[in-house]
Structure formats: structure tokens, C-alpha cells
Amino acid sequence: MISEHMIKAHLKHEKLNIKIFDVIDSTNSEAKRMALSHDSQDGFAPTLLIAKEQTSGRGRMGRRFVSHLGGIYMTLVYVTEKPLIDAVSITTAAAAMVAEAIESVSEAPMKIKWVNDIYNDYGKVAGILAETVSMEDRLAVIVGIGINTGIPEFPEEIQDIASSIGELDGKEGLLIAKITDGLLRYAETHKDRSYMNAYRERFMLAGKNVDLIKGGERTGGGSVVGVDDNGGLLLLPDGQAEVMTVQSGEVSVRESKTK
């Protein structure tokens, strides 16, 4: 059972509000409501929202994120006056930090699929949804993270792709604290790109042939070269000789043709 004490016992940042919900529609939705109702002239301390269960968990592209009882569903919301390069860099930083933190508590290697999905050898174990809300002269940054733990029963439609990091044996607070500390360090400048080493080490698409998907439709494809320092996907389009940078959308790996 996750508690505030369990998290703060490992947390390095002291100025953090923590709110824990038994059940909520979505921690990201609650963070948005907080930001929109807040007087931007007042102080806004970073806040960590945690739910034991979500009834309307959200993923990227408006998808539903299955949020069974027992997983880790967390959102960090903080306010910045610093301009952001793009949302991709926030998601990329979070992906690297989540993968590293899971490895530290589970001792199982993690892989990252551009831009926001964390995989183990059996399937997807975590997803990330980064959003922003304008607050007059400032910006609220909302980073939502869902991690499958325990031995969940996934709906039939995702059984082939979903997996779990397994039982954490009381390390849930340590995992949440590690992720939160990493994100708050990044929030101090939004310029540090040291996390890209961890991201590239775990990047699972290099050399893969993929289709580029936007708005649910295929818009192109090619061979993945890598990722740039802001998290953009470096793609060599089909039939082209020049690498392009993809800043938004998602990719689907093409199945290898067999003879």
C-alpha cells in the first residue's frame, strides 16, 4: 500500500506536495483541474498526485490507459516560467528516468519505444503522457506515468502487448521517489540533456523499419536512424537519401517479411 511516508522516506526534494487518492478518474485530469483553478499570481509548489486506481486513465492520442487496482499511477505537476523547447523533450526525459528507476528496483532490463513507452522482454510495462496548461505568464507542466505492477489481468485487446514489472515487495515508494527526483532535477532548467545517454542505451527502434502514424493514419515511413538530443525521431524516409526529424506522432514497427 503506497503512503506519503513511504515516498518521503526516499525523496530528496523536500518542497513537494503529495496527494494520494484511492480512486480517481485520472491523475493527469486532476492536475489539469488544479492548474486551471489556481491563481497564477500565488505560489504553486510542485505536486505529486498518486492514485491506487483510475477509472478514466488516459494515454497519448486520446487513448484509454488501463488502470487496474494495484498499479502505479502518478502525475507530477509543476509551474515554470522557462520556455520549453517542445513536449517531446519532457516525455523523453521522463521515459529515460522511468526506465532507469524501474531497473533499479526490479533488476530487469528495460527498453524504450519512441517516444513514451517502456517495455521489458514480454511487452509494454509503462506509459507516459506529458501535457501543459497555460497560466497567464507561466506554464504548468503535467507529467503522467502509469506502471503495471503485480500480476494484473489485462483486457483481451491488450493481452498480446501488455506486461508488468511484477511484485515490488515494498519498493513502490522508492520507485516513485526516484522518478520524481529525476523529473524535478530536469524541471530546474529543462536544458540538461544528460538523460539522453540512458534513453539511447535503451532505445529499441534503431535500424527498424517503421510506419509513421498521425491522427490514426499512416503518413509515411522509413528506417529509424536514432533520436536527436531533444528526443525527436531521426528517420530515413522510404526512397529518400536525407534523414528527417519527426517531432510528433507515433510509429508502428513493420513486420519482417519471410521468404
C-alpha atoms as a PDB file:
ATOM      1  CA  MET A   1       0.000   0.000   0.000  1.00  0.00           C
ATOM      2  CA  ILE A   2       1.555   3.296  -1.128  1.00  0.00           C
ATOM      3  CA  SER A   3       1.701   6.042   1.509  1.00  0.00           C
ATOM      4  CA  GLU A   4       3.173   9.537   1.726  1.00  0.00           C
ATOM      5  CA  HIS A   5       5.640   8.308   4.353  1.00  0.00           C
ATOM      6  CA  MET A   6       6.895   5.556   2.029  1.00  0.00           C
ATOM      7  CA  ILE A   7       7.681   8.128  -0.668  1.00  0.00           C
ATOM      8  CA  LYS A   8       9.184  10.864   1.516  1.00  0.00           C
ATOM      9  CA  ALA A   9      11.487   8.339   3.180  1.00  0.00           C
ATOM     10  CA  HIS A  10      13.400   8.196  -0.135  1.00  0.00           C
ATOM     11  CA  LEU A  11      12.650  11.610  -1.636  1.00  0.00           C
ATOM     12  CA  LYS A  12      15.480  14.159  -1.920  1.00  0.00           C
ATOM     13  CA  HIS A  13      13.282  17.148  -2.776  1.00  0.00           C
ATOM     14  CA  GLU A  14      11.551  18.488   0.347  1.00  0.00           C
ATOM     15  CA  LYS A  15       9.270  21.114  -1.208  1.00  0.00           C
ATOM     16  CA  LEU A  16       6.768  18.735  -2.740  1.00  0.00           C
ATOM     17  CA  ASN A  17       3.077  18.321  -2.013  1.00  0.00           C
ATOM     18  CA  ILE A  18       1.784  14.752  -2.198  1.00  0.00           C
ATOM     19  CA  LYS A  19      -1.865  13.812  -2.728  1.00  0.00           C
ATOM     20  CA  ILE A  20      -2.967  10.169  -2.698  1.00  0.00           C
ATOM     21  CA  PHE A  21      -6.349   9.022  -3.971  1.00  0.00           C
ATOM     22  CA  ASP A  22      -7.966   5.627  -3.549  1.00  0.00           C
ATOM     23  CA  VAL A  23      -9.849   6.081  -6.829  1.00  0.00           C
ATOM     24  CA  ILE A  24      -9.853   8.957  -9.310  1.00  0.00           C
ATOM     25  CA  ASP A  25     -10.798   9.457 -12.931  1.00  0.00           C
ATOM     26  CA  SER A  26      -7.252  10.390 -13.950  1.00  0.00           C
ATOM     27  CA  THR A  27      -4.311  11.931 -12.087  1.00  0.00           C
ATOM     28  CA  ASN A  28      -3.487  13.992 -15.193  1.00  0.00           C
ATOM     29  CA  SER A  29      -7.052  15.282 -15.363  1.00  0.00           C
ATOM     30  CA  GLU A  30      -6.908  16.232 -11.669  1.00  0.00           C
ATOM     31  CA  ALA A  31      -3.579  18.009 -12.233  1.00  0.00           C
ATOM     32  CA  LYS A  32      -5.159  19.978 -15.070  1.00  0.00           C
ATOM     33  CA  ARG A  33      -8.068  20.963 -12.854  1.00  0.00           C
ATOM     34  CA  MET A  34      -5.637  22.133 -10.180  1.00  0.00           C
ATOM     35  CA  ALA A  35      -3.683  24.246 -12.658  1.00  0.00           C
ATOM     36  CA  LEU A  36      -6.749  25.805 -14.265  1.00  0.00           C
ATOM     37  CA  SER A  37      -8.315  26.739 -10.914  1.00  0.00           C
ATOM     38  CA  HIS A  38      -5.128  28.137  -9.410  1.00  0.00           C
ATOM     39  CA  ASP A  39      -4.382  31.854  -9.173  1.00  0.00           C
ATOM     40  CA  SER A  40      -1.136  32.095 -11.123  1.00  0.00           C
ATOM     41  CA  GLN A  41      -0.030  35.048  -9.016  1.00  0.00           C
ATOM     42  CA  ASP A  42       0.242  32.808  -5.965  1.00  0.00           C
ATOM     43  CA  GLY A  43       2.941  30.265  -5.286  1.00  0.00           C
ATOM     44  CA  PHE A  44       2.438  26.833  -6.777  1.00  0.00           C
ATOM     45  CA  ALA A  45       4.574  24.150  -5.188  1.00  0.00           C
ATOM     46  CA  PRO A  46       5.312  21.030  -7.242  1.00  0.00           C
ATOM     47  CA  THR A  47       2.634  18.464  -6.515  1.00  0.00           C
ATOM     48  CA  LEU A  48       2.689  14.712  -6.875  1.00  0.00           C
ATOM     49  CA  LEU A  49      -0.664  13.016  -7.370  1.00  0.00           C
ATOM     50  CA  ILE A  50      -0.966   9.261  -6.914  1.00  0.00           C
ATOM     51  CA  ALA A  51      -3.976   7.021  -7.456  1.00  0.00           C
ATOM     52  CA  LYS A  52      -4.402   3.428  -6.408  1.00  0.00           C
ATOM     53  CA  GLU A  53      -6.898   3.049  -9.244  1.00  0.00           C
ATOM     54  CA  GLN A  54      -8.072   5.203 -12.178  1.00  0.00           C
ATOM     55  CA  THR A  55     -11.479   4.957 -13.795  1.00  0.00           C
ATOM     56  CA  SER A  56     -10.582   7.014 -16.890  1.00  0.00           C
ATOM     57  CA  GLY A  57      -6.828   6.727 -17.303  1.00  0.00           C
ATOM     58  CA  ARG A  58      -5.562   8.458 -20.436  1.00  0.00           C
ATOM     59  CA  GLY A  59      -2.711   7.715 -22.796  1.00  0.00           C
ATOM     60  CA  ARG A  60      -1.324   9.576 -25.790  1.00  0.00           C
ATOM     61  CA  MET A  61      -3.567  10.276 -28.799  1.00  0.00           C
ATOM     62  CA  GLY A  62      -6.611  10.229 -26.516  1.00  0.00           C
ATOM     63  CA  ARG A  63      -6.349   6.509 -25.882  1.00  0.00           C
ATOM     64  CA  ARG A  64      -7.623   4.813 -22.731  1.00  0.00           C
ATOM     65  CA  PHE A  65      -4.904   3.673 -20.322  1.00  0.00           C
ATOM     66  CA  VAL A  66      -5.971   0.565 -18.420  1.00  0.00           C
ATOM     67  CA  SER A  67      -5.504   1.367 -14.716  1.00  0.00           C
ATOM     68  CA  HIS A  68      -6.143  -1.756 -12.674  1.00  0.00           C
ATOM     69  CA  LEU A  69      -6.118  -1.701  -8.897  1.00  0.00           C
ATOM     70  CA  GLY A  70      -2.549  -2.224  -7.724  1.00  0.00           C
ATOM     71  CA  GLY A  71      -0.572  -0.474 -10.457  1.00  0.00           C
ATOM     72  CA  ILE A  72       1.344   2.780 -10.003  1.00  0.00           C
ATOM     73  CA  TYR A  73      -0.459   5.817 -11.431  1.00  0.00           C
ATOM     74  CA  MET A  74       1.301   9.095 -10.730  1.00  0.00           C
ATOM     75  CA  THR A  75       1.368  12.625 -12.072  1.00  0.00           C
ATOM     76  CA  LEU A  76       3.878  15.342 -11.255  1.00  0.00           C
ATOM     77  CA  VAL A  77       2.680  18.886 -11.893  1.00  0.00           C
ATOM     78  CA  TYR A  78       4.914  21.943 -11.563  1.00  0.00           C
ATOM     79  CA  VAL A  79       4.930  25.511 -12.836  1.00  0.00           C
ATOM     80  CA  THR A  80       7.734  27.043 -14.854  1.00  0.00           C
ATOM     81  CA  GLU A  81       8.478  30.468 -16.291  1.00  0.00           C
ATOM     82  CA  LYS A  82      11.154  28.955 -18.522  1.00  0.00           C
ATOM     83  CA  PRO A  83      10.240  28.358 -22.170  1.00  0.00           C
ATOM     84  CA  LEU A  84      10.027  24.741 -23.225  1.00  0.00           C
ATOM     85  CA  ILE A  85      11.646  23.535 -26.443  1.00  0.00           C
ATOM     86  CA  ASP A  86       8.842  21.077 -27.088  1.00  0.00           C
ATOM     87  CA  ALA A  87       6.739  18.464 -25.346  1.00  0.00           C
ATOM     88  CA  VAL A  88       8.798  15.668 -26.865  1.00  0.00           C
ATOM     89  CA  SER A  89      11.821  16.546 -24.704  1.00  0.00           C
ATOM     90  CA  ILE A  90       9.739  16.321 -21.500  1.00  0.00           C
ATOM     91  CA  THR A  91       8.382  12.910 -22.485  1.00  0.00           C
ATOM     92  CA  THR A  92      11.835  11.714 -23.498  1.00  0.00           C
ATOM     93  CA  ALA A  93      13.345  12.775 -20.177  1.00  0.00           C
ATOM     94  CA  ALA A  94      10.537  11.047 -18.281  1.00  0.00           C
ATOM     95  CA  ALA A  95      10.948   7.838 -20.319  1.00  0.00           C
ATOM     96  CA  ALA A  96      14.666   7.628 -19.509  1.00  0.00           C
ATOM     97  CA  MET A  97      14.081   8.299 -15.811  1.00  0.00           C
ATOM     98  CA  VAL A  98      11.234   5.794 -15.541  1.00  0.00           C
ATOM     99  CA  ALA A  99      13.252   3.074 -17.284  1.00  0.00           C
ATOM    100  CA  GLU A 100      16.283   3.665 -15.046  1.00  0.00           C
ATOM    101  CA  ALA A 101      14.158   3.741 -11.890  1.00  0.00           C
ATOM    102  CA  ILE A 102      12.337   0.505 -12.756  1.00  0.00           C
ATOM    103  CA  GLU A 103      15.642  -1.226 -13.436  1.00  0.00           C
ATOM    104  CA  SER A 104      16.985  -0.097 -10.066  1.00  0.00           C
ATOM    105  CA  VAL A 105      14.135  -1.736  -8.144  1.00  0.00           C
ATOM    106  CA  SER A 106      13.360  -4.739 -10.341  1.00  0.00           C
ATOM    107  CA  GLU A 107      16.822  -5.654 -11.681  1.00  0.00           C
ATOM    108  CA  ALA A 108      15.224  -6.363 -15.066  1.00  0.00           C
ATOM    109  CA  PRO A 109      16.423  -4.531 -18.212  1.00  0.00           C
ATOM    110  CA  MET A 110      14.006  -2.040 -19.768  1.00  0.00           C
ATOM    111  CA  LYS A 111      13.660  -0.869 -23.366  1.00  0.00           C
ATOM    112  CA  ILE A 112      12.152   2.343 -24.734  1.00  0.00           C
ATOM    113  CA  LYS A 113       9.926   2.610 -27.784  1.00  0.00           C
ATOM    114  CA  TRP A 114       9.716   6.156 -29.156  1.00  0.00           C
ATOM    115  CA  VAL A 115       8.516   8.240 -27.683  1.00  0.00           C
ATOM    116  CA  ASN A 116       6.881   7.266 -24.413  1.00  0.00           C
ATOM    117  CA  ASP A 117       6.526   3.504 -23.948  1.00  0.00           C
ATOM    118  CA  ILE A 118       8.626   1.349 -21.617  1.00  0.00           C
ATOM    119  CA  TYR A 119       8.997  -2.361 -22.407  1.00  0.00           C
ATOM    120  CA  ASN A 120      10.501  -5.426 -20.809  1.00  0.00           C
ATOM    121  CA  ASP A 121      11.157  -8.658 -22.689  1.00  0.00           C
ATOM    122  CA  TYR A 122       7.461  -9.547 -22.638  1.00  0.00           C
ATOM    123  CA  GLY A 123       5.657  -6.338 -23.537  1.00  0.00           C
ATOM    124  CA  LYS A 124       4.767  -2.795 -22.534  1.00  0.00           C
ATOM    125  CA  VAL A 125       5.041  -2.126 -18.800  1.00  0.00           C
ATOM    126  CA  ALA A 126       4.690   1.662 -18.587  1.00  0.00           C
ATOM    127  CA  GLY A 127       3.439   4.683 -20.489  1.00  0.00           C
ATOM    128  CA  ILE A 128       3.939   8.428 -20.169  1.00  0.00           C
ATOM    129  CA  LEU A 129       1.659  11.348 -21.012  1.00  0.00           C
ATOM    130  CA  ALA A 130       3.135  14.864 -20.813  1.00  0.00           C
ATOM    131  CA  GLU A 131       0.828  17.861 -21.096  1.00  0.00           C
ATOM    132  CA  THR A 132       0.953  21.601 -20.424  1.00  0.00           C
ATOM    133  CA  VAL A 133      -1.565  24.180 -19.221  1.00  0.00           C
ATOM    134  CA  SER A 134      -1.124  27.942 -19.734  1.00  0.00           C
ATOM    135  CA  MET A 135      -1.323  30.015 -16.532  1.00  0.00           C
ATOM    136  CA  GLU A 136      -1.119  33.644 -17.660  1.00  0.00           C
ATOM    137  CA  ASP A 137       2.629  34.338 -17.686  1.00  0.00           C
ATOM    138  CA  ARG A 138       3.632  30.811 -16.700  1.00  0.00           C
ATOM    139  CA  LEU A 139       3.149  27.243 -17.761  1.00  0.00           C
ATOM    140  CA  ALA A 140       2.032  24.238 -15.756  1.00  0.00           C
ATOM    141  CA  VAL A 141       3.862  21.097 -16.829  1.00  0.00           C
ATOM    142  CA  ILE A 142       1.986  17.852 -16.204  1.00  0.00           C
ATOM    143  CA  VAL A 143       3.820  14.527 -16.453  1.00  0.00           C
ATOM    144  CA  GLY A 144       1.653  11.456 -16.021  1.00  0.00           C
ATOM    145  CA  ILE A 145       3.159   7.983 -15.621  1.00  0.00           C
ATOM    146  CA  GLY A 146       1.416   4.624 -15.430  1.00  0.00           C
ATOM    147  CA  ILE A 147       3.340   1.485 -14.465  1.00  0.00           C
ATOM    148  CA  ASN A 148       1.942  -2.049 -14.478  1.00  0.00           C
ATOM    149  CA  THR A 149       2.904  -3.954 -11.320  1.00  0.00           C
ATOM    150  CA  GLY A 150       1.946  -7.241  -9.727  1.00  0.00           C
ATOM    151  CA  ILE A 151       0.169  -9.887 -11.802  1.00  0.00           C
ATOM    152  CA  PRO A 152      -2.642  -7.939 -13.480  1.00  0.00           C
ATOM    153  CA  GLU A 153      -5.404  -9.371 -15.646  1.00  0.00           C
ATOM    154  CA  PHE A 154      -5.253  -7.291 -18.817  1.00  0.00           C
ATOM    155  CA  PRO A 155      -8.262  -6.827 -21.116  1.00  0.00           C
ATOM    156  CA  GLU A 156      -8.239  -9.140 -24.114  1.00  0.00           C
ATOM    157  CA  GLU A 157      -7.466  -6.345 -26.563  1.00  0.00           C
ATOM    158  CA  ILE A 158      -4.072  -5.607 -24.972  1.00  0.00           C
ATOM    159  CA  GLN A 159      -3.047  -9.024 -23.673  1.00  0.00           C
ATOM    160  CA  ASP A 160      -0.618  -9.510 -26.566  1.00  0.00           C
ATOM    161  CA  ILE A 161       1.279  -6.274 -25.929  1.00  0.00           C
ATOM    162  CA  ALA A 162       0.972  -5.521 -22.200  1.00  0.00           C
ATOM    163  CA  SER A 163       3.236  -6.792 -19.441  1.00  0.00           C
ATOM    164  CA  SER A 164       4.154  -5.972 -15.845  1.00  0.00           C
ATOM    165  CA  ILE A 165       7.289  -5.315 -13.811  1.00  0.00           C
ATOM    166  CA  GLY A 166       5.977  -7.802 -11.232  1.00  0.00           C
ATOM    167  CA  GLU A 167       5.785  -7.537  -7.461  1.00  0.00           C
ATOM    168  CA  LEU A 168       7.874  -4.769  -5.886  1.00  0.00           C
ATOM    169  CA  ASP A 169       7.906  -6.131  -2.332  1.00  0.00           C
ATOM    170  CA  GLY A 170       7.544  -2.753  -0.642  1.00  0.00           C
ATOM    171  CA  LYS A 171       9.750  -0.801  -3.065  1.00  0.00           C
ATOM    172  CA  GLU A 172       6.885   1.225  -4.546  1.00  0.00           C
ATOM    173  CA  GLY A 173       7.838   4.321  -2.517  1.00  0.00           C
ATOM    174  CA  LEU A 174      11.458   4.076  -3.629  1.00  0.00           C
ATOM    175  CA  LEU A 175      10.440   3.753  -7.287  1.00  0.00           C
ATOM    176  CA  ILE A 176       8.110   6.758  -7.126  1.00  0.00           C
ATOM    177  CA  ALA A 177      10.730   8.856  -5.291  1.00  0.00           C
ATOM    178  CA  LYS A 178      13.449   8.056  -7.839  1.00  0.00           C
ATOM    179  CA  ILE A 179      11.225   9.063 -10.757  1.00  0.00           C
ATOM    180  CA  THR A 180      10.015  12.231  -9.015  1.00  0.00           C
ATOM    181  CA  ASP A 181      13.510  13.381  -8.004  1.00  0.00           C
ATOM    182  CA  GLY A 182      14.716  12.894 -11.579  1.00  0.00           C
ATOM    183  CA  LEU A 183      11.848  14.910 -13.046  1.00  0.00           C
ATOM    184  CA  LEU A 184      12.300  17.724 -10.535  1.00  0.00           C
ATOM    185  CA  ARG A 185      16.010  17.936 -11.369  1.00  0.00           C
ATOM    186  CA  TYR A 186      15.094  18.233 -15.036  1.00  0.00           C
ATOM    187  CA  ALA A 187      12.471  20.880 -14.216  1.00  0.00           C
ATOM    188  CA  GLU A 188      15.150  23.195 -12.797  1.00  0.00           C
ATOM    189  CA  THR A 189      16.441  24.117 -16.271  1.00  0.00           C
ATOM    190  CA  HIS A 190      14.759  21.969 -18.963  1.00  0.00           C
ATOM    191  CA  LYS A 191      18.130  22.182 -20.735  1.00  0.00           C
ATOM    192  CA  ASP A 192      20.094  19.294 -19.271  1.00  0.00           C
ATOM    193  CA  ARG A 193      20.294  16.504 -21.846  1.00  0.00           C
ATOM    194  CA  SER A 194      22.379  14.037 -19.853  1.00  0.00           C
ATOM    195  CA  TYR A 195      19.375  11.709 -19.704  1.00  0.00           C
ATOM    196  CA  MET A 196      19.766  11.102 -23.455  1.00  0.00           C
ATOM    197  CA  ASN A 197      22.594   8.647 -22.763  1.00  0.00           C
ATOM    198  CA  ALA A 198      20.200   6.467 -20.754  1.00  0.00           C
ATOM    199  CA  TYR A 199      17.494   6.891 -23.403  1.00  0.00           C
ATOM    200  CA  ARG A 200      19.738   5.864 -26.288  1.00  0.00           C
ATOM    201  CA  GLU A 201      21.120   2.867 -24.382  1.00  0.00           C
ATOM    202  CA  ARG A 202      17.569   1.517 -24.103  1.00  0.00           C
ATOM    203  CA  PHE A 203      16.187   2.724 -27.436  1.00  0.00           C
ATOM    204  CA  MET A 204      14.636  -0.300 -29.154  1.00  0.00           C
ATOM    205  CA  LEU A 205      13.891   1.065 -32.645  1.00  0.00           C
ATOM    206  CA  ALA A 206      17.351   1.793 -34.084  1.00  0.00           C
ATOM    207  CA  GLY A 207      17.606   0.175 -37.508  1.00  0.00           C
ATOM    208  CA  LYS A 208      13.933  -0.835 -37.535  1.00  0.00           C
ATOM    209  CA  ASN A 209      11.621  -0.182 -40.471  1.00  0.00           C
ATOM    210  CA  VAL A 210       8.531   1.648 -39.231  1.00  0.00           C
ATOM    211  CA  ASP A 211       5.344   3.319 -40.355  1.00  0.00           C
ATOM    212  CA  LEU A 212       4.726   6.859 -39.118  1.00  0.00           C
ATOM    213  CA  ILE A 213       1.231   7.315 -37.684  1.00  0.00           C
ATOM    214  CA  LYS A 214      -0.508  10.640 -37.119  1.00  0.00           C
ATOM    215  CA  GLY A 215      -4.147  11.027 -36.209  1.00  0.00           C
ATOM    216  CA  GLY A 216      -4.596   7.295 -36.582  1.00  0.00           C
ATOM    217  CA  GLU A 217      -3.488   7.400 -40.216  1.00  0.00           C
ATOM    218  CA  ARG A 218      -0.246   6.280 -41.834  1.00  0.00           C
ATOM    219  CA  THR A 219       1.586   9.354 -43.127  1.00  0.00           C
ATOM    220  CA  GLY A 220       4.855   7.789 -44.229  1.00  0.00           C
ATOM    221  CA  GLY A 221       7.590   5.538 -43.028  1.00  0.00           C
ATOM    222  CA  GLY A 222      11.199   4.535 -43.311  1.00  0.00           C
ATOM    223  CA  SER A 223      14.190   3.286 -41.376  1.00  0.00           C
ATOM    224  CA  VAL A 224      14.922   4.600 -37.872  1.00  0.00           C
ATOM    225  CA  VAL A 225      18.404   6.096 -37.512  1.00  0.00           C
ATOM    226  CA  GLY A 226      18.148   7.205 -33.882  1.00  0.00           C
ATOM    227  CA  VAL A 227      16.936  10.141 -31.776  1.00  0.00           C
ATOM    228  CA  ASP A 228      18.255  13.694 -31.558  1.00  0.00           C
ATOM    229  CA  ASP A 229      19.142  15.484 -28.313  1.00  0.00           C
ATOM    230  CA  ASN A 230      15.592  16.783 -27.857  1.00  0.00           C
ATOM    231  CA  GLY A 231      14.019  13.371 -28.330  1.00  0.00           C
ATOM    232  CA  GLY A 232      12.998  13.826 -31.955  1.00  0.00           C
ATOM    233  CA  LEU A 233      12.967  10.643 -34.043  1.00  0.00           C
ATOM    234  CA  LEU A 234      15.618  10.537 -36.774  1.00  0.00           C
ATOM    235  CA  LEU A 235      14.042   8.764 -39.724  1.00  0.00           C
ATOM    236  CA  LEU A 236      15.346   7.966 -43.191  1.00  0.00           C
ATOM    237  CA  PRO A 237      12.135   8.050 -45.264  1.00  0.00           C
ATOM    238  CA  ASP A 238      11.419   5.324 -47.774  1.00  0.00           C
ATOM    239  CA  GLY A 239      13.189   6.030 -51.053  1.00  0.00           C
ATOM    240  CA  GLN A 240      14.915   9.144 -49.728  1.00  0.00           C
ATOM    241  CA  ALA A 241      18.576   9.928 -49.077  1.00  0.00           C
ATOM    242  CA  GLU A 242      18.162  12.604 -46.392  1.00  0.00           C
ATOM    243  CA  VAL A 243      17.303  11.959 -42.747  1.00  0.00           C
ATOM    244  CA  MET A 244      14.309  13.852 -41.344  1.00  0.00           C
ATOM    245  CA  THR A 245      13.397  14.638 -37.722  1.00  0.00           C
ATOM    246  CA  VAL A 246       9.942  13.637 -36.510  1.00  0.00           C
ATOM    247  CA  GLN A 247       8.694  15.650 -33.522  1.00  0.00           C
ATOM    248  CA  SER A 248       5.188  14.261 -33.088  1.00  0.00           C
ATOM    249  CA  GLY A 249       3.067  11.227 -33.811  1.00  0.00           C
ATOM    250  CA  GLU A 250       3.894   7.596 -33.181  1.00  0.00           C
ATOM    251  CA  VAL A 251       5.406   4.684 -35.035  1.00  0.00           C
ATOM    252  CA  SER A 252       4.472   1.107 -35.762  1.00  0.00           C
ATOM    253  CA  VAL A 253       7.229  -1.432 -36.432  1.00  0.00           C
ATOM    254  CA  ARG A 254       6.773  -3.208 -39.738  1.00  0.00           C
ATOM    255  CA  GLU A 255       6.702  -6.959 -39.575  1.00  0.00           C
ATOM    256  CA  SER A 256       9.670  -8.619 -41.248  1.00  0.00           C
ATOM    257  CA  LYS A 257       8.831 -10.337 -44.493  1.00  0.00           C
ATOM    258  CA  THR A 258       9.601 -14.034 -44.616  1.00  0.00           C
ATOM    259  CA  LYS A 259      10.567 -15.889 -47.728  1.00  0.00           C
END
